[in-house]
Amino acid sequence: MVNSSSTDSSSEIVDEWIATKVNNSSIKFKNLHPGTNTPGGSMAAGVDVATSSHIAFMDCGLTFTVDWLAKQKSALDKDPSASWVIGGLITSGEGIVDKSAIAHTYGFNRFRPCMPSALLKKQIFESVGRLKDLRAGFDAQWMRDAIRLNEKRIINRDVVVSYLGTSFAPNLWKVFTKSVLYARPTINSGNYIAPCVYTAAATAIIPLVIYAPKLLLFGALAYIGARLALACAKSRRGCLYFMRPDRLVVLILTGAVMDFGKLTGYLRGFIDKFNTRRSN
């Protein structure tokens, strides 16, 4: 277990459990306190100290079936050429805002490969490298690198995990704050594309407001269409759930709040990087 800068008493509960329940167990449990505060950095810290030939990832916010690890080991054993096997996450959410946020991110009611559920041969980290110390996107980036380096992957659709309760955020304010939190460190990953696109788009709106306000209506309609297209592309058949006026309005509004949060996060990321360079 890795304490990722937890703010509640969960880490102390884990320490107590290890001390009182499993001292005599043949399985050795550790609770790490590396001072990390992102999922990517915390998972990397666990890999660094692991001594086994295989690494399996879990997450305290997800539910797992009892036999998930046995299924992953069986799938990996059947194909010696594979370096790792991954299960998937199906997100359904709680409440219309949460469902809408899922549609814009993971895809509503769609199976997506998910690192918590993966079983990997430890040697894969020697070729692909460590997981990035980021709050969001670190897993997708690492998976892309693994595929690019021809590390064979098995997708096991018999292993499905799901969120405990809320999947993304319960209300629009939480959607905004979480979007800021996830977007702010993106620049540190070396990804300048999304921050520059968002900043350029926001900057382009200013002259429209001043010189061509009538074009804003067409711009708004184009934006709504693009957001809906993206949600439908990610959710596929799950998008049919939102084909009702009240749900459609919330879907569009949630996407707009999410984009505003990302823009805010990216701008703060640029400011953070500027201040770091100036202090150095």
C-alpha atoms as a PDB file:
ATOM      1  CA  MET A   1       0.000   0.000   0.000  1.00  0.00           C
ATOM      2  CA  VAL A   2       1.189   3.533  -0.743  1.00  0.00           C
ATOM      3  CA  ASN A   3       0.098   6.584   1.220  1.00  0.00           C
ATOM      4  CA  SER A   4      -0.399   9.217  -1.474  1.00  0.00           C
ATOM      5  CA  SER A   5      -0.481  12.175   0.957  1.00  0.00           C
ATOM      6  CA  SER A   6      -3.795  11.023   2.409  1.00  0.00           C
ATOM      7  CA  THR A   7      -5.633  13.640   4.459  1.00  0.00           C
ATOM      8  CA  ASP A   8      -7.756  11.215   6.477  1.00  0.00           C
ATOM      9  CA  SER A   9      -6.889   8.368   8.871  1.00  0.00           C
ATOM     10  CA  SER A  10      -6.809   5.609   6.246  1.00  0.00           C
ATOM     11  CA  SER A  11      -3.017   5.237   6.332  1.00  0.00           C
ATOM     12  CA  GLU A  12      -3.022   4.841  10.115  1.00  0.00           C
ATOM     13  CA  ILE A  13      -5.747   2.199   9.780  1.00  0.00           C
ATOM     14  CA  VAL A  14      -3.543   0.308   7.311  1.00  0.00           C
ATOM     15  CA  ASP A  15      -0.539   0.518   9.664  1.00  0.00           C
ATOM     16  CA  GLU A  16      -2.633  -0.822  12.528  1.00  0.00           C
ATOM     17  CA  TRP A  17      -4.022  -3.615  10.360  1.00  0.00           C
ATOM     18  CA  ILE A  18      -0.512  -4.689   9.337  1.00  0.00           C
ATOM     19  CA  ALA A  19       0.726  -4.610  12.928  1.00  0.00           C
ATOM     20  CA  THR A  20      -2.183  -6.495  14.495  1.00  0.00           C
ATOM     21  CA  LYS A  21      -3.563  -8.784  11.793  1.00  0.00           C
ATOM     22  CA  VAL A  22      -0.825  -9.957   9.491  1.00  0.00           C
ATOM     23  CA  ASN A  23       2.373 -10.109  11.522  1.00  0.00           C
ATOM     24  CA  ASN A  24       2.426 -13.880  11.313  1.00  0.00           C
ATOM     25  CA  SER A  25       1.344 -14.085   7.690  1.00  0.00           C
ATOM     26  CA  SER A  26       3.622 -15.614   5.063  1.00  0.00           C
ATOM     27  CA  ILE A  27       2.632 -12.689   2.836  1.00  0.00           C
ATOM     28  CA  LYS A  28       4.570  -9.538   3.693  1.00  0.00           C
ATOM     29  CA  PHE A  29       2.613  -6.296   3.612  1.00  0.00           C
ATOM     30  CA  LYS A  30       4.162  -2.833   3.510  1.00  0.00           C
ATOM     31  CA  ASN A  31       2.605   0.594   3.831  1.00  0.00           C
ATOM     32  CA  LEU A  32       4.845   3.126   2.122  1.00  0.00           C
ATOM     33  CA  HIS A  33       4.994   6.821   3.020  1.00  0.00           C
ATOM     34  CA  PRO A  34       7.048   8.269   0.131  1.00  0.00           C
ATOM     35  CA  GLY A  35       5.585  11.783   0.367  1.00  0.00           C
ATOM     36  CA  THR A  36       4.016  11.547  -3.080  1.00  0.00           C
ATOM     37  CA  ASN A  37       0.747  13.333  -3.792  1.00  0.00           C
ATOM     38  CA  THR A  38      -0.184  12.048  -7.247  1.00  0.00           C
ATOM     39  CA  PRO A  39      -1.422   8.617  -8.375  1.00  0.00           C
ATOM     40  CA  GLY A  40       1.386   8.305 -10.923  1.00  0.00           C
ATOM     41  CA  GLY A  41       4.139   9.123  -8.429  1.00  0.00           C
ATOM     42  CA  SER A  42       2.642   6.816  -5.808  1.00  0.00           C
ATOM     43  CA  MET A  43       2.355   3.862  -8.185  1.00  0.00           C
ATOM     44  CA  ALA A  44       5.944   4.434  -9.309  1.00  0.00           C
ATOM     45  CA  ALA A  45       7.086   4.467  -5.678  1.00  0.00           C
ATOM     46  CA  GLY A  46       5.470   1.067  -5.156  1.00  0.00           C
ATOM     47  CA  VAL A  47       7.154  -0.375  -8.235  1.00  0.00           C
ATOM     48  CA  ASP A  48      10.539   0.941  -7.047  1.00  0.00           C
ATOM     49  CA  VAL A  49      10.507  -1.158  -3.871  1.00  0.00           C
ATOM     50  CA  ALA A  50       8.752  -4.250  -5.238  1.00  0.00           C
ATOM     51  CA  THR A  51      10.958  -7.368  -5.351  1.00  0.00           C
ATOM     52  CA  SER A  52       8.599  -9.794  -7.107  1.00  0.00           C
ATOM     53  CA  SER A  53       8.761 -10.789 -10.778  1.00  0.00           C
ATOM     54  CA  HIS A  54       5.243  -9.414 -11.393  1.00  0.00           C
ATOM     55  CA  ILE A  55       3.498  -6.167 -10.476  1.00  0.00           C
ATOM     56  CA  ALA A  56      -0.274  -5.865 -10.017  1.00  0.00           C
ATOM     57  CA  PHE A  57      -2.013  -2.517  -9.548  1.00  0.00           C
ATOM     58  CA  MET A  58      -5.136  -1.818  -7.512  1.00  0.00           C
ATOM     59  CA  ASP A  59      -6.829   1.399  -6.396  1.00  0.00           C
ATOM     60  CA  CYS A  60      -8.721   2.059  -3.174  1.00  0.00           C
ATOM     61  CA  GLY A  61     -11.479   3.904  -5.051  1.00  0.00           C
ATOM     62  CA  LEU A  62     -12.404   0.901  -7.213  1.00  0.00           C
ATOM     63  CA  THR A  63     -14.177  -2.407  -6.618  1.00  0.00           C
ATOM     64  CA  PHE A  64     -12.515  -5.675  -7.638  1.00  0.00           C
ATOM     65  CA  THR A  65     -13.868  -9.215  -7.876  1.00  0.00           C
ATOM     66  CA  VAL A  66     -12.186 -11.779  -5.640  1.00  0.00           C
ATOM     67  CA  ASP A  67     -10.743 -13.720  -8.571  1.00  0.00           C
ATOM     68  CA  TRP A  68      -9.497 -10.808 -10.707  1.00  0.00           C
ATOM     69  CA  LEU A  69      -5.799 -11.475 -10.071  1.00  0.00           C
ATOM     70  CA  ALA A  70      -6.115 -15.194 -10.753  1.00  0.00           C
ATOM     71  CA  LYS A  71      -7.806 -14.377 -14.073  1.00  0.00           C
ATOM     72  CA  GLN A  72      -5.023 -11.974 -15.037  1.00  0.00           C
ATOM     73  CA  LYS A  73      -2.280 -14.459 -14.113  1.00  0.00           C
ATOM     74  CA  SER A  74      -4.010 -17.187 -16.124  1.00  0.00           C
ATOM     75  CA  ALA A  75      -4.304 -14.903 -19.167  1.00  0.00           C
ATOM     76  CA  LEU A  76      -0.636 -13.900 -18.939  1.00  0.00           C
ATOM     77  CA  ASP A  77       0.534 -17.514 -18.535  1.00  0.00           C
ATOM     78  CA  LYS A  78      -1.289 -18.514 -21.723  1.00  0.00           C
ATOM     79  CA  ASP A  79       0.818 -16.129 -23.820  1.00  0.00           C
ATOM     80  CA  PRO A  80       4.516 -16.133 -22.811  1.00  0.00           C
ATOM     81  CA  SER A  81       5.254 -13.432 -25.401  1.00  0.00           C
ATOM     82  CA  ALA A  82       3.026 -10.913 -23.594  1.00  0.00           C
ATOM     83  CA  SER A  83       4.586  -8.495 -21.107  1.00  0.00           C
ATOM     84  CA  TRP A  84       1.358  -7.439 -19.435  1.00  0.00           C
ATOM     85  CA  VAL A  85      -2.372  -7.976 -19.204  1.00  0.00           C
ATOM     86  CA  ILE A  86      -4.926  -5.316 -18.392  1.00  0.00           C
ATOM     87  CA  GLY A  87      -8.575  -5.333 -17.417  1.00  0.00           C
ATOM     88  CA  GLY A  88     -11.074  -2.563 -17.913  1.00  0.00           C
ATOM     89  CA  LEU A  89     -13.180   0.049 -16.200  1.00  0.00           C
ATOM     90  CA  ILE A  90     -16.863   0.518 -16.945  1.00  0.00           C
ATOM     91  CA  THR A  91     -18.172   3.819 -15.605  1.00  0.00           C
ATOM     92  CA  SER A  92     -21.836   4.493 -15.011  1.00  0.00           C
ATOM     93  CA  GLY A  93     -21.701   7.285 -12.413  1.00  0.00           C
ATOM     94  CA  GLU A  94     -24.126   8.650  -9.839  1.00  0.00           C
ATOM     95  CA  GLY A  95     -26.390  11.545 -10.819  1.00  0.00           C
ATOM     96  CA  ILE A  96     -26.667  13.347 -14.128  1.00  0.00           C
ATOM     97  CA  VAL A  97     -23.627  15.643 -13.608  1.00  0.00           C
ATOM     98  CA  ASP A  98     -21.375  12.705 -12.787  1.00  0.00           C
ATOM     99  CA  LYS A  99     -22.703  10.756 -15.768  1.00  0.00           C
ATOM    100  CA  SER A 100     -22.154  13.770 -18.027  1.00  0.00           C
ATOM    101  CA  ALA A 101     -18.572  14.236 -16.817  1.00  0.00           C
ATOM    102  CA  ILE A 102     -17.917  10.558 -17.504  1.00  0.00           C
ATOM    103  CA  ALA A 103     -19.294  10.924 -21.037  1.00  0.00           C
ATOM    104  CA  HIS A 104     -16.772  13.704 -21.707  1.00  0.00           C
ATOM    105  CA  THR A 105     -13.812  11.782 -20.222  1.00  0.00           C
ATOM    106  CA  TYR A 106     -13.875   7.979 -19.938  1.00  0.00           C
ATOM    107  CA  GLY A 107     -17.012   7.383 -21.969  1.00  0.00           C
ATOM    108  CA  PHE A 108     -20.387   6.567 -20.389  1.00  0.00           C
ATOM    109  CA  ASN A 109     -21.023   2.839 -19.854  1.00  0.00           C
ATOM    110  CA  ARG A 110     -18.060   1.908 -22.035  1.00  0.00           C
ATOM    111  CA  PHE A 111     -15.270  -0.602 -21.331  1.00  0.00           C
ATOM    112  CA  ARG A 112     -11.899   1.175 -21.218  1.00  0.00           C
ATOM    113  CA  PRO A 113      -8.513  -0.405 -20.334  1.00  0.00           C
ATOM    114  CA  CYS A 114      -7.550   0.641 -16.801  1.00  0.00           C
ATOM    115  CA  MET A 115      -4.120   0.404 -15.110  1.00  0.00           C
ATOM    116  CA  PRO A 116      -5.644  -0.529 -11.745  1.00  0.00           C
ATOM    117  CA  SER A 117      -6.496  -4.120 -12.810  1.00  0.00           C
ATOM    118  CA  ALA A 118      -3.240  -4.678 -14.722  1.00  0.00           C
ATOM    119  CA  LEU A 119      -0.706  -7.440 -14.082  1.00  0.00           C
ATOM    120  CA  LEU A 120       2.754  -6.762 -15.510  1.00  0.00           C
ATOM    121  CA  LYS A 121       6.102  -8.504 -15.649  1.00  0.00           C
ATOM    122  CA  LYS A 122       8.353  -6.204 -13.663  1.00  0.00           C
ATOM    123  CA  GLN A 123      11.004  -6.138 -16.384  1.00  0.00           C
ATOM    124  CA  ILE A 124       8.663  -4.056 -18.557  1.00  0.00           C
ATOM    125  CA  PHE A 125       9.485  -1.001 -16.427  1.00  0.00           C
ATOM    126  CA  GLU A 126      13.146  -1.313 -17.412  1.00  0.00           C
ATOM    127  CA  SER A 127      12.283  -0.684 -21.069  1.00  0.00           C
ATOM    128  CA  VAL A 128       9.259   1.627 -20.743  1.00  0.00           C
ATOM    129  CA  GLY A 129      10.419   3.528 -17.652  1.00  0.00           C
ATOM    130  CA  ARG A 130       8.648   4.822 -14.554  1.00  0.00           C
ATOM    131  CA  LEU A 131       5.117   6.119 -14.422  1.00  0.00           C
ATOM    132  CA  LYS A 132       5.136   9.934 -14.527  1.00  0.00           C
ATOM    133  CA  ASP A 133       4.567  11.860 -11.297  1.00  0.00           C
ATOM    134  CA  LEU A 134       1.238  13.286 -12.486  1.00  0.00           C
ATOM    135  CA  ARG A 135      -2.353  13.343 -11.270  1.00  0.00           C
ATOM    136  CA  ALA A 136      -3.953  12.612 -14.632  1.00  0.00           C
ATOM    137  CA  GLY A 137      -2.839  11.185 -17.950  1.00  0.00           C
ATOM    138  CA  PHE A 138       0.181   9.350 -16.535  1.00  0.00           C
ATOM    139  CA  ASP A 139      -1.361   5.920 -17.176  1.00  0.00           C
ATOM    140  CA  ALA A 140      -2.426   6.689 -20.760  1.00  0.00           C
ATOM    141  CA  GLN A 141       1.012   8.114 -21.517  1.00  0.00           C
ATOM    142  CA  TRP A 142       2.782   5.064 -20.057  1.00  0.00           C
ATOM    143  CA  MET A 143       0.514   2.672 -21.992  1.00  0.00           C
ATOM    144  CA  ARG A 144       1.209   4.517 -25.247  1.00  0.00           C
ATOM    145  CA  ASP A 145       4.949   4.244 -24.600  1.00  0.00           C
ATOM    146  CA  ALA A 146       4.650   0.518 -23.859  1.00  0.00           C
ATOM    147  CA  ILE A 147       2.733  -0.102 -27.093  1.00  0.00           C
ATOM    148  CA  ARG A 148       5.185   2.040 -29.076  1.00  0.00           C
ATOM    149  CA  LEU A 149       8.053  -0.084 -27.712  1.00  0.00           C
ATOM    150  CA  ASN A 150       6.232  -3.258 -28.834  1.00  0.00           C
ATOM    151  CA  GLU A 151       5.598  -4.551 -25.327  1.00  0.00           C
ATOM    152  CA  LYS A 152       2.798  -7.005 -26.095  1.00  0.00           C
ATOM    153  CA  ARG A 153      -0.418  -6.345 -24.171  1.00  0.00           C
ATOM    154  CA  ILE A 154      -3.411  -8.572 -23.510  1.00  0.00           C
ATOM    155  CA  ILE A 155      -6.792  -6.940 -22.838  1.00  0.00           C
ATOM    156  CA  ASN A 156      -8.822  -9.235 -20.616  1.00  0.00           C
ATOM    157  CA  ARG A 157     -12.490  -8.277 -20.843  1.00  0.00           C
ATOM    158  CA  ASP A 158     -13.351 -10.799 -18.129  1.00  0.00           C
ATOM    159  CA  VAL A 159     -11.744  -8.486 -15.572  1.00  0.00           C
ATOM    160  CA  VAL A 160     -13.917  -5.411 -14.987  1.00  0.00           C
ATOM    161  CA  VAL A 161     -13.535  -2.877 -12.172  1.00  0.00           C
ATOM    162  CA  SER A 162     -15.887  -0.058 -11.240  1.00  0.00           C
ATOM    163  CA  TYR A 163     -15.839   3.058  -9.086  1.00  0.00           C
ATOM    164  CA  LEU A 164     -17.117   3.089  -5.546  1.00  0.00           C
ATOM    165  CA  GLY A 165     -19.800   5.785  -5.633  1.00  0.00           C
ATOM    166  CA  THR A 166     -19.057   8.951  -7.620  1.00  0.00           C
ATOM    167  CA  SER A 167     -16.884   8.339 -10.673  1.00  0.00           C
ATOM    168  CA  PHE A 168     -15.777  11.898 -11.529  1.00  0.00           C
ATOM    169  CA  ALA A 169     -17.607  14.611  -9.608  1.00  0.00           C
ATOM    170  CA  PRO A 170     -21.043  14.989  -7.959  1.00  0.00           C
ATOM    171  CA  ASN A 171     -21.723  18.595  -9.029  1.00  0.00           C
ATOM    172  CA  LEU A 172     -20.531  21.297 -11.415  1.00  0.00           C
ATOM    173  CA  TRP A 173     -18.312  23.022  -8.856  1.00  0.00           C
ATOM    174  CA  LYS A 174     -16.456  19.759  -8.254  1.00  0.00           C
ATOM    175  CA  VAL A 175     -16.195  19.240 -12.020  1.00  0.00           C
ATOM    176  CA  PHE A 176     -14.520  22.652 -12.284  1.00  0.00           C
ATOM    177  CA  THR A 177     -12.108  22.208  -9.359  1.00  0.00           C
ATOM    178  CA  LYS A 178     -11.130  18.693 -10.432  1.00  0.00           C
ATOM    179  CA  SER A 179     -10.525  19.865 -14.010  1.00  0.00           C
ATOM    180  CA  VAL A 180      -8.235  22.621 -12.683  1.00  0.00           C
ATOM    181  CA  LEU A 181      -6.398  20.134 -10.462  1.00  0.00           C
ATOM    182  CA  TYR A 182      -5.832  17.668 -13.302  1.00  0.00           C
ATOM    183  CA  ALA A 183      -4.859  20.238 -15.943  1.00  0.00           C
ATOM    184  CA  ARG A 184      -2.478  22.368 -13.861  1.00  0.00           C
ATOM    185  CA  PRO A 185       0.515  19.946 -13.865  1.00  0.00           C
ATOM    186  CA  THR A 186       0.094  18.908 -17.524  1.00  0.00           C
ATOM    187  CA  ILE A 187       2.913  21.177 -18.707  1.00  0.00           C
ATOM    188  CA  ASN A 188       5.339  19.346 -16.428  1.00  0.00           C
ATOM    189  CA  SER A 189       4.699  16.180 -18.452  1.00  0.00           C
ATOM    190  CA  GLY A 190       6.022  17.893 -21.576  1.00  0.00           C
ATOM    191  CA  ASN A 191       2.582  18.087 -23.179  1.00  0.00           C
ATOM    192  CA  TYR A 192       2.185  21.629 -24.513  1.00  0.00           C
ATOM    193  CA  ILE A 193      -0.390  20.818 -27.208  1.00  0.00           C
ATOM    194  CA  ALA A 194      -3.573  20.908 -25.128  1.00  0.00           C
ATOM    195  CA  PRO A 195      -2.531  23.945 -23.009  1.00  0.00           C
ATOM    196  CA  CYS A 196      -1.596  25.931 -26.139  1.00  0.00           C
ATOM    197  CA  VAL A 197      -4.803  24.958 -27.985  1.00  0.00           C
ATOM    198  CA  TYR A 198      -7.017  25.960 -25.052  1.00  0.00           C
ATOM    199  CA  THR A 199      -5.128  29.231 -24.515  1.00  0.00           C
ATOM    200  CA  ALA A 200      -5.185  30.116 -28.229  1.00  0.00           C
ATOM    201  CA  ALA A 201      -8.925  29.377 -28.482  1.00  0.00           C
ATOM    202  CA  ALA A 202      -9.687  31.545 -25.452  1.00  0.00           C
ATOM    203  CA  THR A 203      -7.515  34.358 -26.824  1.00  0.00           C
ATOM    204  CA  ALA A 204      -9.274  34.202 -30.213  1.00  0.00           C
ATOM    205  CA  ILE A 205     -12.620  34.900 -28.547  1.00  0.00           C
ATOM    206  CA  ILE A 206     -11.518  38.373 -27.380  1.00  0.00           C
ATOM    207  CA  PRO A 207     -11.426  40.071 -30.824  1.00  0.00           C
ATOM    208  CA  LEU A 208     -14.725  38.366 -31.718  1.00  0.00           C
ATOM    209  CA  VAL A 209     -16.381  39.926 -28.678  1.00  0.00           C
ATOM    210  CA  ILE A 210     -15.015  43.347 -29.636  1.00  0.00           C
ATOM    211  CA  TYR A 211     -15.292  43.400 -33.425  1.00  0.00           C
ATOM    212  CA  ALA A 212     -17.722  40.661 -34.469  1.00  0.00           C
ATOM    213  CA  PRO A 213     -20.108  39.797 -31.628  1.00  0.00           C
ATOM    214  CA  LYS A 214     -22.612  38.291 -34.074  1.00  0.00           C
ATOM    215  CA  LEU A 215     -20.122  35.570 -34.936  1.00  0.00           C
ATOM    216  CA  LEU A 216     -20.131  34.453 -31.306  1.00  0.00           C
ATOM    217  CA  LEU A 217     -23.457  32.710 -31.860  1.00  0.00           C
ATOM    218  CA  PHE A 218     -22.004  30.613 -34.676  1.00  0.00           C
ATOM    219  CA  GLY A 219     -18.927  29.951 -32.573  1.00  0.00           C
ATOM    220  CA  ALA A 220     -21.062  28.831 -29.641  1.00  0.00           C
ATOM    221  CA  LEU A 221     -23.085  26.501 -31.856  1.00  0.00           C
ATOM    222  CA  ALA A 222     -19.902  25.047 -33.332  1.00  0.00           C
ATOM    223  CA  TYR A 223     -18.486  24.530 -29.841  1.00  0.00           C
ATOM    224  CA  ILE A 224     -21.655  22.762 -28.629  1.00  0.00           C
ATOM    225  CA  GLY A 225     -21.613  20.518 -31.688  1.00  0.00           C
ATOM    226  CA  ALA A 226     -17.943  19.639 -31.166  1.00  0.00           C
ATOM    227  CA  ARG A 227     -18.488  18.876 -27.469  1.00  0.00           C
ATOM    228  CA  LEU A 228     -21.465  16.621 -28.223  1.00  0.00           C
ATOM    229  CA  ALA A 229     -19.536  14.853 -30.971  1.00  0.00           C
ATOM    230  CA  LEU A 230     -16.641  14.201 -28.588  1.00  0.00           C
ATOM    231  CA  ALA A 231     -18.924  12.840 -25.857  1.00  0.00           C
ATOM    232  CA  CYS A 232     -20.673  10.561 -28.350  1.00  0.00           C
ATOM    233  CA  ALA A 233     -17.362   9.358 -29.799  1.00  0.00           C
ATOM    234  CA  LYS A 234     -16.115   8.443 -26.317  1.00  0.00           C
ATOM    235  CA  SER A 235     -19.369   6.930 -25.083  1.00  0.00           C
ATOM    236  CA  ARG A 236     -20.497   5.328 -28.337  1.00  0.00           C
ATOM    237  CA  ARG A 237     -23.846   3.607 -27.716  1.00  0.00           C
ATOM    238  CA  GLY A 238     -23.829   4.934 -24.151  1.00  0.00           C
ATOM    239  CA  CYS A 239     -24.501   8.390 -25.609  1.00  0.00           C
ATOM    240  CA  LEU A 240     -28.119   7.367 -26.279  1.00  0.00           C
ATOM    241  CA  TYR A 241     -28.773   7.875 -22.550  1.00  0.00           C
ATOM    242  CA  PHE A 242     -28.388  11.639 -23.007  1.00  0.00           C
ATOM    243  CA  MET A 243     -30.821  11.950 -25.903  1.00  0.00           C
ATOM    244  CA  ARG A 244     -33.405  13.714 -23.726  1.00  0.00           C
ATOM    245  CA  PRO A 245     -33.626  17.528 -23.492  1.00  0.00           C
ATOM    246  CA  ASP A 246     -32.898  17.866 -19.751  1.00  0.00           C
ATOM    247  CA  ARG A 247     -29.975  15.432 -19.872  1.00  0.00           C
ATOM    248  CA  LEU A 248     -28.619  17.011 -23.053  1.00  0.00           C
ATOM    249  CA  VAL A 249     -28.543  20.459 -21.418  1.00  0.00           C
ATOM    250  CA  VAL A 250     -26.587  19.131 -18.442  1.00  0.00           C
ATOM    251  CA  LEU A 251     -24.212  17.254 -20.775  1.00  0.00           C
ATOM    252  CA  ILE A 252     -23.404  20.458 -22.683  1.00  0.00           C
ATOM    253  CA  LEU A 253     -23.102  22.548 -19.506  1.00  0.00           C
ATOM    254  CA  THR A 254     -20.819  19.998 -17.863  1.00  0.00           C
ATOM    255  CA  GLY A 255     -18.540  19.979 -20.889  1.00  0.00           C
ATOM    256  CA  ALA A 256     -18.321  23.779 -20.823  1.00  0.00           C
ATOM    257  CA  VAL A 257     -17.505  23.840 -17.105  1.00  0.00           C
ATOM    258  CA  MET A 258     -14.877  21.163 -17.662  1.00  0.00           C
ATOM    259  CA  ASP A 259     -13.243  23.157 -20.465  1.00  0.00           C
ATOM    260  CA  PHE A 260     -13.228  26.336 -18.373  1.00  0.00           C
ATOM    261  CA  GLY A 261     -11.608  24.381 -15.549  1.00  0.00           C
ATOM    262  CA  LYS A 262      -8.971  22.984 -17.900  1.00  0.00           C
ATOM    263  CA  LEU A 263      -8.221  26.446 -19.271  1.00  0.00           C
ATOM    264  CA  THR A 264      -7.835  27.783 -15.737  1.00  0.00           C
ATOM    265  CA  GLY A 265      -5.562  24.866 -14.831  1.00  0.00           C
ATOM    266  CA  TYR A 266      -3.409  25.277 -17.933  1.00  0.00           C
ATOM    267  CA  LEU A 267      -2.969  29.014 -17.317  1.00  0.00           C
ATOM    268  CA  ARG A 268      -1.976  28.344 -13.727  1.00  0.00           C
ATOM    269  CA  GLY A 269       0.443  25.702 -15.005  1.00  0.00           C
ATOM    270  CA  PHE A 270       2.078  28.267 -17.309  1.00  0.00           C
ATOM    271  CA  ILE A 271       2.348  30.683 -14.365  1.00  0.00           C
ATOM    272  CA  ASP A 272       3.858  27.960 -12.168  1.00  0.00           C
ATOM    273  CA  LYS A 273       6.469  27.152 -14.823  1.00  0.00           C
ATOM    274  CA  PHE A 274       7.299  30.849 -15.340  1.00  0.00           C
ATOM    275  CA  ASN A 275       7.735  31.409 -11.593  1.00  0.00           C
ATOM    276  CA  THR A 276       9.915  28.288 -11.291  1.00  0.00           C
ATOM    277  CA  ARG A 277      12.188  29.438 -14.108  1.00  0.00           C
ATOM    278  CA  ARG A 278      12.421  32.947 -12.653  1.00  0.00           C
ATOM    279  CA  SER A 279      13.312  31.631  -9.188  1.00  0.00           C
ATOM    280  CA  ASN A 280      16.037  29.429 -10.675  1.00  0.00           C
END
